[in-house]
Structure formats: C-alpha cells, structure tokens
Amino acid sequence: FLRSGQGSVLNKTVELSARRQDGREIAVELSLASFPFNDGWNAVGIIRDITQRKNAEQALMAAKQQAEAANRAKSAYLANM
C-alpha cells in the first residue's frame, strides 16, 4: 500500500462485525479509499452502523418465508379439493 496506494480492500465496501464501547456487537459497513498526499499514500475509511438495515432484512426474509409457506398450504388445500 505504501508504494502503490493499492490494496485488497481499497475501493470496496465490506460488511463486518464490530464491538461498541459498551461491549455490544453490531453490524458495520467499512469503505476504504486511498489518496496521494505529501509524497506518499494515505487512506481514509468510513464505518457505518448497518444494524437496523440487517434487522429489516431479516424481518423481510422471515415474512417472505411465511408467505411462501402459506402459499404452499393453499396450493396443497386446493389440490386436495
């Protein structure tokens, strides 16, 4: 990185787990970028708490699974009629 400004996680967004100061584990997104400065390479990172988004995704997946189960039950009922 110091010679080229390149790295495996640069210019990508990755999801990780992080621990808050109170000890609770949360889901985060990490984005890193590099830029030249003072004859060398530097990096800047942004960490975003995505716990609410992950919880919403899980709730949506659960609702989808329930809807699919209801659809299968309806299909089985109609097939038996």
PDB file of N, CA and C in Angstrom:
ATOM      1  N   PHE A   1       0.823  -1.190   0.000  1.00  0.00           N
ATOM      2  CA  PHE A   1       0.000   0.000   0.000  1.00  0.00           C
ATOM      3  C   PHE A   1       0.868   1.255   0.000  1.00  0.00           C
ATOM      4  N   LEU A   2       1.905   1.281   0.800  1.00  0.00           N
ATOM      5  CA  LEU A   2       2.725   2.493   0.908  1.00  0.00           C
ATOM      6  C   LEU A   2       3.399   2.859  -0.406  1.00  0.00           C
ATOM      7  N   ARG A   3       3.745   1.860  -1.234  1.00  0.00           N
ATOM      8  CA  ARG A   3       4.400   2.154  -2.506  1.00  0.00           C
ATOM      9  C   ARG A   3       3.422   2.448  -3.635  1.00  0.00           C
ATOM     10  N   SER A   4       2.280   1.749  -3.654  1.00  0.00           N
ATOM     11  CA  SER A   4       1.390   1.832  -4.817  1.00  0.00           C
ATOM     12  C   SER A   4       0.037   2.481  -4.530  1.00  0.00           C
ATOM     13  N   GLY A   5      -0.380   2.547  -3.283  1.00  0.00           N
ATOM     14  CA  GLY A   5      -1.706   3.041  -2.967  1.00  0.00           C
ATOM     15  C   GLY A   5      -2.792   2.027  -3.263  1.00  0.00           C
ATOM     16  N   GLN A   6      -2.402   0.785  -3.524  1.00  0.00           N
ATOM     17  CA  GLN A   6      -3.337  -0.289  -3.843  1.00  0.00           C
ATOM     18  C   GLN A   6      -3.412  -1.274  -2.687  1.00  0.00           C
ATOM     19  N   GLY A   7      -4.553  -1.913  -2.548  1.00  0.00           N
ATOM     20  CA  GLY A   7      -4.736  -2.928  -1.514  1.00  0.00           C
ATOM     21  C   GLY A   7      -5.978  -3.738  -1.797  1.00  0.00           C
ATOM     22  N   SER A   8      -6.103  -4.870  -1.145  1.00  0.00           N
ATOM     23  CA  SER A   8      -7.209  -5.781  -1.447  1.00  0.00           C
ATOM     24  C   SER A   8      -8.566  -5.261  -0.988  1.00  0.00           C
ATOM     25  N   VAL A   9      -8.621  -4.390  -0.009  1.00  0.00           N
ATOM     26  CA  VAL A   9      -9.917  -3.890   0.473  1.00  0.00           C
ATOM     27  C   VAL A   9     -10.180  -2.439   0.077  1.00  0.00           C
ATOM     28  N   LEU A  10      -9.273  -1.834  -0.651  1.00  0.00           N
ATOM     29  CA  LEU A  10      -9.473  -0.447  -1.070  1.00  0.00           C
ATOM     30  C   LEU A  10     -10.529  -0.356  -2.161  1.00  0.00           C
ATOM     31  N   ASN A  11     -11.298   0.713  -2.125  1.00  0.00           N
ATOM     32  CA  ASN A  11     -12.343   0.989  -3.104  1.00  0.00           C
ATOM     33  C   ASN A  11     -13.411  -0.100  -3.137  1.00  0.00           C
ATOM     34  N   LYS A  12     -13.621  -0.739  -2.002  1.00  0.00           N
ATOM     35  CA  LYS A  12     -14.663  -1.743  -1.839  1.00  0.00           C
ATOM     36  C   LYS A  12     -15.409  -1.429  -0.554  1.00  0.00           C
ATOM     37  N   THR A  13     -16.589  -1.961  -0.446  1.00  0.00           N
ATOM     38  CA  THR A  13     -17.355  -1.872   0.788  1.00  0.00           C
ATOM     39  C   THR A  13     -17.534  -3.286   1.303  1.00  0.00           C
ATOM     40  N   VAL A  14     -17.147  -3.501   2.545  1.00  0.00           N
ATOM     41  CA  VAL A  14     -17.258  -4.826   3.145  1.00  0.00           C
ATOM     42  C   VAL A  14     -18.103  -4.737   4.415  1.00  0.00           C
ATOM     43  N   GLU A  15     -18.808  -5.818   4.697  1.00  0.00           N
ATOM     44  CA  GLU A  15     -19.605  -5.902   5.915  1.00  0.00           C
ATOM     45  C   GLU A  15     -18.818  -6.672   6.960  1.00  0.00           C
ATOM     46  N   LEU A  16     -18.785  -6.121   8.159  1.00  0.00           N
ATOM     47  CA  LEU A  16     -18.038  -6.717   9.263  1.00  0.00           C
ATOM     48  C   LEU A  16     -18.860  -6.627  10.537  1.00  0.00           C
ATOM     49  N   SER A  17     -18.393  -7.321  11.550  1.00  0.00           N
ATOM     50  CA  SER A  17     -18.944  -7.160  12.890  1.00  0.00           C
ATOM     51  C   SER A  17     -17.997  -6.268  13.670  1.00  0.00           C
ATOM     52  N   ALA A  18     -18.567  -5.420  14.508  1.00  0.00           N
ATOM     53  CA  ALA A  18     -17.762  -4.536  15.348  1.00  0.00           C
ATOM     54  C   ALA A  18     -18.327  -4.580  16.757  1.00  0.00           C
ATOM     55  N   ARG A  19     -17.518  -4.190  17.707  1.00  0.00           N
ATOM     56  CA  ARG A  19     -17.950  -4.158  19.089  1.00  0.00           C
ATOM     57  C   ARG A  19     -17.998  -2.722  19.560  1.00  0.00           C
ATOM     58  N   ARG A  20     -19.165  -2.326  20.064  1.00  0.00           N
ATOM     59  CA  ARG A  20     -19.329  -0.970  20.585  1.00  0.00           C
ATOM     60  C   ARG A  20     -18.578  -0.835  21.906  1.00  0.00           C
ATOM     61  N   GLN A  21     -18.433   0.374  22.352  1.00  0.00           N
ATOM     62  CA  GLN A  21     -17.734   0.629  23.597  1.00  0.00           C
ATOM     63  C   GLN A  21     -18.426  -0.057  24.781  1.00  0.00           C
ATOM     64  N   ASP A  22     -19.756  -0.209  24.704  1.00  0.00           N
ATOM     65  CA  ASP A  22     -20.478  -0.873  25.789  1.00  0.00           C
ATOM     66  C   ASP A  22     -20.418  -2.401  25.690  1.00  0.00           C
ATOM     67  N   GLY A  23     -19.682  -2.926  24.694  1.00  0.00           N
ATOM     68  CA  GLY A  23     -19.485  -4.362  24.549  1.00  0.00           C
ATOM     69  C   GLY A  23     -20.455  -5.044  23.612  1.00  0.00           C
ATOM     70  N   ARG A  24     -21.480  -4.337  23.158  1.00  0.00           N
ATOM     71  CA  ARG A  24     -22.471  -4.926  22.260  1.00  0.00           C
ATOM     72  C   ARG A  24     -21.888  -5.067  20.856  1.00  0.00           C
ATOM     73  N   GLU A  25     -22.173  -6.196  20.198  1.00  0.00           N
ATOM     74  CA  GLU A  25     -21.697  -6.427  18.830  1.00  0.00           C
ATOM     75  C   GLU A  25     -22.725  -5.877  17.850  1.00  0.00           C
ATOM     76  N   ILE A  26     -22.246  -5.187  16.815  1.00  0.00           N
ATOM     77  CA  ILE A  26     -23.115  -4.599  15.803  1.00  0.00           C
ATOM     78  C   ILE A  26     -22.572  -4.924  14.413  1.00  0.00           C
ATOM     79  N   ALA A  27     -23.434  -4.800  13.419  1.00  0.00           N
ATOM     80  CA  ALA A  27     -23.036  -4.975  12.019  1.00  0.00           C
ATOM     81  C   ALA A  27     -22.610  -3.609  11.474  1.00  0.00           C
ATOM     82  N   VAL A  28     -21.489  -3.588  10.748  1.00  0.00           N
ATOM     83  CA  VAL A  28     -20.997  -2.341  10.169  1.00  0.00           C
ATOM     84  C   VAL A  28     -20.584  -2.563   8.724  1.00  0.00           C
ATOM     85  N   GLU A  29     -20.569  -1.477   7.977  1.00  0.00           N
ATOM     86  CA  GLU A  29     -20.026  -1.436   6.622  1.00  0.00           C
ATOM     87  C   GLU A  29     -18.752  -0.616   6.677  1.00  0.00           C
ATOM     88  N   LEU A  30     -17.704  -1.109   6.062  1.00  0.00           N
ATOM     89  CA  LEU A  30     -16.428  -0.404   6.028  1.00  0.00           C
ATOM     90  C   LEU A  30     -16.068  -0.107   4.583  1.00  0.00           C
ATOM     91  N   SER A  31     -15.808   1.158   4.297  1.00  0.00           N
ATOM     92  CA  SER A  31     -15.356   1.577   2.963  1.00  0.00           C
ATOM     93  C   SER A  31     -14.010   2.267   3.122  1.00  0.00           C
ATOM     94  N   LEU A  32     -13.040   1.869   2.311  1.00  0.00           N
ATOM     95  CA  LEU A  32     -11.704   2.459   2.353  1.00  0.00           C
ATOM     96  C   LEU A  32     -11.320   2.999   0.982  1.00  0.00           C
ATOM     97  N   ALA A  33     -10.654   4.114   0.979  1.00  0.00           N
ATOM     98  CA  ALA A  33     -10.137   4.700  -0.262  1.00  0.00           C
ATOM     99  C   ALA A  33      -8.733   5.229   0.010  1.00  0.00           C
ATOM    100  N   SER A  34      -7.923   5.294  -1.031  1.00  0.00           N
ATOM    101  CA  SER A  34      -6.563   5.818  -0.885  1.00  0.00           C
ATOM    102  C   SER A  34      -6.410   7.096  -1.698  1.00  0.00           C
ATOM    103  N   PHE A  35      -5.462   7.913  -1.266  1.00  0.00           N
ATOM    104  CA  PHE A  35      -5.177   9.145  -1.993  1.00  0.00           C
ATOM    105  C   PHE A  35      -3.725   9.537  -1.749  1.00  0.00           C
ATOM    106  N   PRO A  36      -3.091  10.147  -2.771  1.00  0.00           N
ATOM    107  CA  PRO A  36      -1.710  10.587  -2.587  1.00  0.00           C
ATOM    108  C   PRO A  36      -1.676  11.873  -1.766  1.00  0.00           C
ATOM    109  N   PHE A  37      -0.688  11.955  -0.863  1.00  0.00           N
ATOM    110  CA  PHE A  37      -0.545  13.142  -0.030  1.00  0.00           C
ATOM    111  C   PHE A  37       0.881  13.188   0.503  1.00  0.00           C
ATOM    112  N   ASN A  38       1.521  14.336   0.344  1.00  0.00           N
ATOM    113  CA  ASN A  38       2.899  14.536   0.847  1.00  0.00           C
ATOM    114  C   ASN A  38       3.846  13.428   0.397  1.00  0.00           C
ATOM    115  N   ASP A  39       3.888  13.173  -0.901  1.00  0.00           N
ATOM    116  CA  ASP A  39       4.802  12.179  -1.491  1.00  0.00           C
ATOM    117  C   ASP A  39       4.597  10.765  -0.957  1.00  0.00           C
ATOM    118  N   GLY A  40       3.398  10.441  -0.565  1.00  0.00           N
ATOM    119  CA  GLY A  40       3.091   9.097  -0.094  1.00  0.00           C
ATOM    120  C   GLY A  40       1.610   8.819  -0.252  1.00  0.00           C
ATOM    121  N   TRP A  41       1.219   7.647   0.144  1.00  0.00           N
ATOM    122  CA  TRP A  41      -0.181   7.253   0.049  1.00  0.00           C
ATOM    123  C   TRP A  41      -0.802   7.244   1.438  1.00  0.00           C
ATOM    124  N   ASN A  42      -2.031   7.709   1.491  1.00  0.00           N
ATOM    125  CA  ASN A  42      -2.797   7.712   2.731  1.00  0.00           C
ATOM    126  C   ASN A  42      -4.140   7.039   2.459  1.00  0.00           C
ATOM    127  N   ALA A  43      -4.797   6.663   3.518  1.00  0.00           N
ATOM    128  CA  ALA A  43      -6.098   6.014   3.375  1.00  0.00           C
ATOM    129  C   ALA A  43      -7.116   6.726   4.255  1.00  0.00           C
ATOM    130  N   VAL A  44      -8.334   6.711   3.802  1.00  0.00           N
ATOM    131  CA  VAL A  44      -9.445   7.236   4.585  1.00  0.00           C
ATOM    132  C   VAL A  44     -10.518   6.154   4.620  1.00  0.00           C
ATOM    133  N   GLY A  45     -11.137   5.990   5.762  1.00  0.00           N
ATOM    134  CA  GLY A  45     -12.166   4.965   5.901  1.00  0.00           C
ATOM    135  C   GLY A  45     -13.440   5.524   6.485  1.00  0.00           C
ATOM    136  N   ILE A  46     -14.523   4.908   6.104  1.00  0.00           N
ATOM    137  CA  ILE A  46     -15.834   5.263   6.641  1.00  0.00           C
ATOM    138  C   ILE A  46     -16.443   3.984   7.202  1.00  0.00           C
ATOM    139  N   ILE A  47     -16.877   4.060   8.446  1.00  0.00           N
ATOM    140  CA  ILE A  47     -17.553   2.937   9.086  1.00  0.00           C
ATOM    141  C   ILE A  47     -18.985   3.364   9.368  1.00  0.00           C
ATOM    142  N   ARG A  48     -19.928   2.546   8.915  1.00  0.00           N
ATOM    143  CA  ARG A  48     -21.354   2.871   9.072  1.00  0.00           C
ATOM    144  C   ARG A  48     -22.039   1.728   9.810  1.00  0.00           C
ATOM    145  N   ASP A  49     -22.816   2.067  10.838  1.00  0.00           N
ATOM    146  CA  ASP A  49     -23.612   1.084  11.577  1.00  0.00           C
ATOM    147  C   ASP A  49     -24.798   0.680  10.707  1.00  0.00           C
ATOM    148  N   ILE A  50     -24.874  -0.604  10.348  1.00  0.00           N
ATOM    149  CA  ILE A  50     -25.962  -1.091   9.490  1.00  0.00           C
ATOM    150  C   ILE A  50     -26.849  -2.084  10.239  1.00  0.00           C
ATOM    151  N   THR A  51     -26.859  -1.995  11.558  1.00  0.00           N
ATOM    152  CA  THR A  51     -27.647  -2.916  12.366  1.00  0.00           C
ATOM    153  C   THR A  51     -29.127  -2.849  12.011  1.00  0.00           C
ATOM    154  N   GLN A  52     -29.681  -1.655  11.877  1.00  0.00           N
ATOM    155  CA  GLN A  52     -31.105  -1.526  11.538  1.00  0.00           C
ATOM    156  C   GLN A  52     -31.401  -2.133  10.172  1.00  0.00           C
ATOM    157  N   ARG A  53     -30.522  -1.912   9.214  1.00  0.00           N
ATOM    158  CA  ARG A  53     -30.734  -2.480   7.880  1.00  0.00           C
ATOM    159  C   ARG A  53     -30.710  -4.006   7.929  1.00  0.00           C
ATOM    160  N   LYS A  54     -29.769  -4.566   8.676  1.00  0.00           N
ATOM    161  CA  LYS A  54     -29.670  -6.017   8.793  1.00  0.00           C
ATOM    162  C   LYS A  54     -30.909  -6.591   9.481  1.00  0.00           C
ATOM    163  N   ASN A  55     -31.403  -5.913  10.518  1.00  0.00           N
ATOM    164  CA  ASN A  55     -32.618  -6.360  11.198  1.00  0.00           C
ATOM    165  C   ASN A  55     -33.812  -6.313  10.254  1.00  0.00           C
ATOM    166  N   ALA A  56     -33.917  -5.260   9.449  1.00  0.00           N
ATOM    167  CA  ALA A  56     -35.008  -5.146   8.477  1.00  0.00           C
ATOM    168  C   ALA A  56     -34.911  -6.248   7.428  1.00  0.00           C
ATOM    169  N   GLU A  57     -33.698  -6.577   6.968  1.00  0.00           N
ATOM    170  CA  GLU A  57     -33.506  -7.647   6.001  1.00  0.00           C
ATOM    171  C   GLU A  57     -33.956  -8.988   6.578  1.00  0.00           C
ATOM    172  N   GLN A  58     -33.616  -9.232   7.860  1.00  0.00           N
ATOM    173  CA  GLN A  58     -34.018 -10.485   8.494  1.00  0.00           C
ATOM    174  C   GLN A  58     -35.537 -10.557   8.637  1.00  0.00           C
ATOM    175  N   ALA A  59     -36.172  -9.444   9.008  1.00  0.00           N
ATOM    176  CA  ALA A  59     -37.635  -9.419   9.138  1.00  0.00           C
ATOM    177  C   ALA A  59     -38.295  -9.656   7.788  1.00  0.00           C
ATOM    178  N   LEU A  60     -37.756  -9.065   6.740  1.00  0.00           N
ATOM    179  CA  LEU A  60     -38.289  -9.253   5.398  1.00  0.00           C
ATOM    180  C   LEU A  60     -38.148 -10.703   4.952  1.00  0.00           C
ATOM    181  N   MET A  61     -37.009 -11.315   5.252  1.00  0.00           N
ATOM    182  CA  MET A  61     -36.788 -12.716   4.888  1.00  0.00           C
ATOM    183  C   MET A  61     -37.765 -13.614   5.638  1.00  0.00           C
ATOM    184  N   ALA A  62     -38.007 -13.343   6.911  1.00  0.00           N
ATOM    185  CA  ALA A  62     -38.957 -14.139   7.691  1.00  0.00           C
ATOM    186  C   ALA A  62     -40.366 -13.993   7.125  1.00  0.00           C
ATOM    187  N   ALA A  63     -40.759 -12.781   6.761  1.00  0.00           N
ATOM    188  CA  ALA A  63     -42.085 -12.546   6.175  1.00  0.00           C
ATOM    189  C   ALA A  63     -42.217 -13.271   4.843  1.00  0.00           C
ATOM    190  N   LYS A  64     -41.151 -13.265   4.051  1.00  0.00           N
ATOM    191  CA  LYS A  64     -41.175 -13.958   2.764  1.00  0.00           C
ATOM    192  C   LYS A  64     -41.350 -15.461   2.963  1.00  0.00           C
ATOM    193  N   GLN A  65     -40.639 -16.015   3.936  1.00  0.00           N
ATOM    194  CA  GLN A  65     -40.747 -17.446   4.209  1.00  0.00           C
ATOM    195  C   GLN A  65     -42.149 -17.807   4.692  1.00  0.00           C
ATOM    196  N   GLN A  66     -42.747 -16.953   5.514  1.00  0.00           N
ATOM    197  CA  GLN A  66     -44.114 -17.200   5.981  1.00  0.00           C
ATOM    198  C   GLN A  66     -45.098 -17.144   4.813  1.00  0.00           C
ATOM    199  N   ALA A  67     -44.911 -16.182   3.930  1.00  0.00           N
ATOM    200  CA  ALA A  67     -45.803 -16.060   2.772  1.00  0.00           C
ATOM    201  C   ALA A  67     -45.660 -17.269   1.860  1.00  0.00           C
ATOM    202  N   GLU A  68     -44.449 -17.743   1.659  1.00  0.00           N
ATOM    203  CA  GLU A  68     -44.239 -18.919   0.823  1.00  0.00           C
ATOM    204  C   GLU A  68     -44.866 -20.159   1.458  1.00  0.00           C
ATOM    205  N   ALA A  69     -44.762 -20.291   2.793  1.00  0.00           N
ATOM    206  CA  ALA A  69     -45.368 -21.426   3.487  1.00  0.00           C
ATOM    207  C   ALA A  69     -46.887 -21.367   3.357  1.00  0.00           C
ATOM    208  N   ALA A  70     -47.468 -20.185   3.487  1.00  0.00           N
ATOM    209  CA  ALA A  70     -48.919 -20.026   3.332  1.00  0.00           C
ATOM    210  C   ALA A  70     -49.347 -20.372   1.914  1.00  0.00           C
ATOM    211  N   ASN A  71     -48.551 -19.978   0.938  1.00  0.00           N
ATOM    212  CA  ASN A  71     -48.866 -20.279  -0.462  1.00  0.00           C
ATOM    213  C   ASN A  71     -48.814 -21.789  -0.710  1.00  0.00           C
ATOM    214  N   ARG A  72     -47.825 -22.459  -0.123  1.00  0.00           N
ATOM    215  CA  ARG A  72     -47.746 -23.920  -0.281  1.00  0.00           C
ATOM    216  C   ARG A  72     -48.947 -24.598   0.372  1.00  0.00           C
ATOM    217  N   ALA A  73     -49.349 -24.114   1.554  1.00  0.00           N
ATOM    218  CA  ALA A  73     -50.507 -24.699   2.249  1.00  0.00           C
ATOM    219  C   ALA A  73     -51.771 -24.495   1.422  1.00  0.00           C
ATOM    220  N   LYS A  74     -51.919 -23.305   0.832  1.00  0.00           N
ATOM    221  CA  LYS A  74     -53.083 -23.031  -0.005  1.00  0.00           C
ATOM    222  C   LYS A  74     -53.094 -23.950  -1.224  1.00  0.00           C
ATOM    223  N   SER A  75     -51.938 -24.121  -1.844  1.00  0.00           N
ATOM    224  CA  SER A  75     -51.848 -24.985  -3.026  1.00  0.00           C
ATOM    225  C   SER A  75     -52.189 -26.430  -2.670  1.00  0.00           C
ATOM    226  N   ALA A  76     -51.689 -26.889  -1.521  1.00  0.00           N
ATOM    227  CA  ALA A  76     -51.990 -28.256  -1.095  1.00  0.00           C
ATOM    228  C   ALA A  76     -53.487 -28.419  -0.812  1.00  0.00           C
ATOM    229  N   TYR A  77     -54.071 -27.416  -0.191  1.00  0.00           N
ATOM    230  CA  TYR A  77     -55.512 -27.451   0.098  1.00  0.00           C
ATOM    231  C   TYR A  77     -56.317 -27.530  -1.195  1.00  0.00           C
ATOM    232  N   LEU A  78     -55.986 -26.674  -2.145  1.00  0.00           N
ATOM    233  CA  LEU A  78     -56.723 -26.651  -3.418  1.00  0.00           C
ATOM    234  C   LEU A  78     -56.510 -27.936  -4.208  1.00  0.00           C
ATOM    235  N   ALA A  79     -55.340 -28.520  -4.110  1.00  0.00           N
ATOM    236  CA  ALA A  79     -55.071 -29.778  -4.815  1.00  0.00           C
ATOM    237  C   ALA A  79     -55.896 -30.922  -4.251  1.00  0.00           C
ATOM    238  N   ASN A  80     -56.207 -30.855  -2.956  1.00  0.00           N
ATOM    239  CA  ASN A  80     -56.987 -31.913  -2.313  1.00  0.00           C
ATOM    240  C   ASN A  80     -58.490 -31.740  -2.508  1.00  0.00           C
ATOM    241  N   MET A  81     -58.906 -30.584  -3.001  1.00  0.00           N
ATOM    242  CA  MET A  81     -60.352 -30.361  -3.174  1.00  0.00           C
ATOM    243  C   MET A  81     -60.864 -31.043  -4.405  1.00  0.00           C
TER     244      MET A  81
END
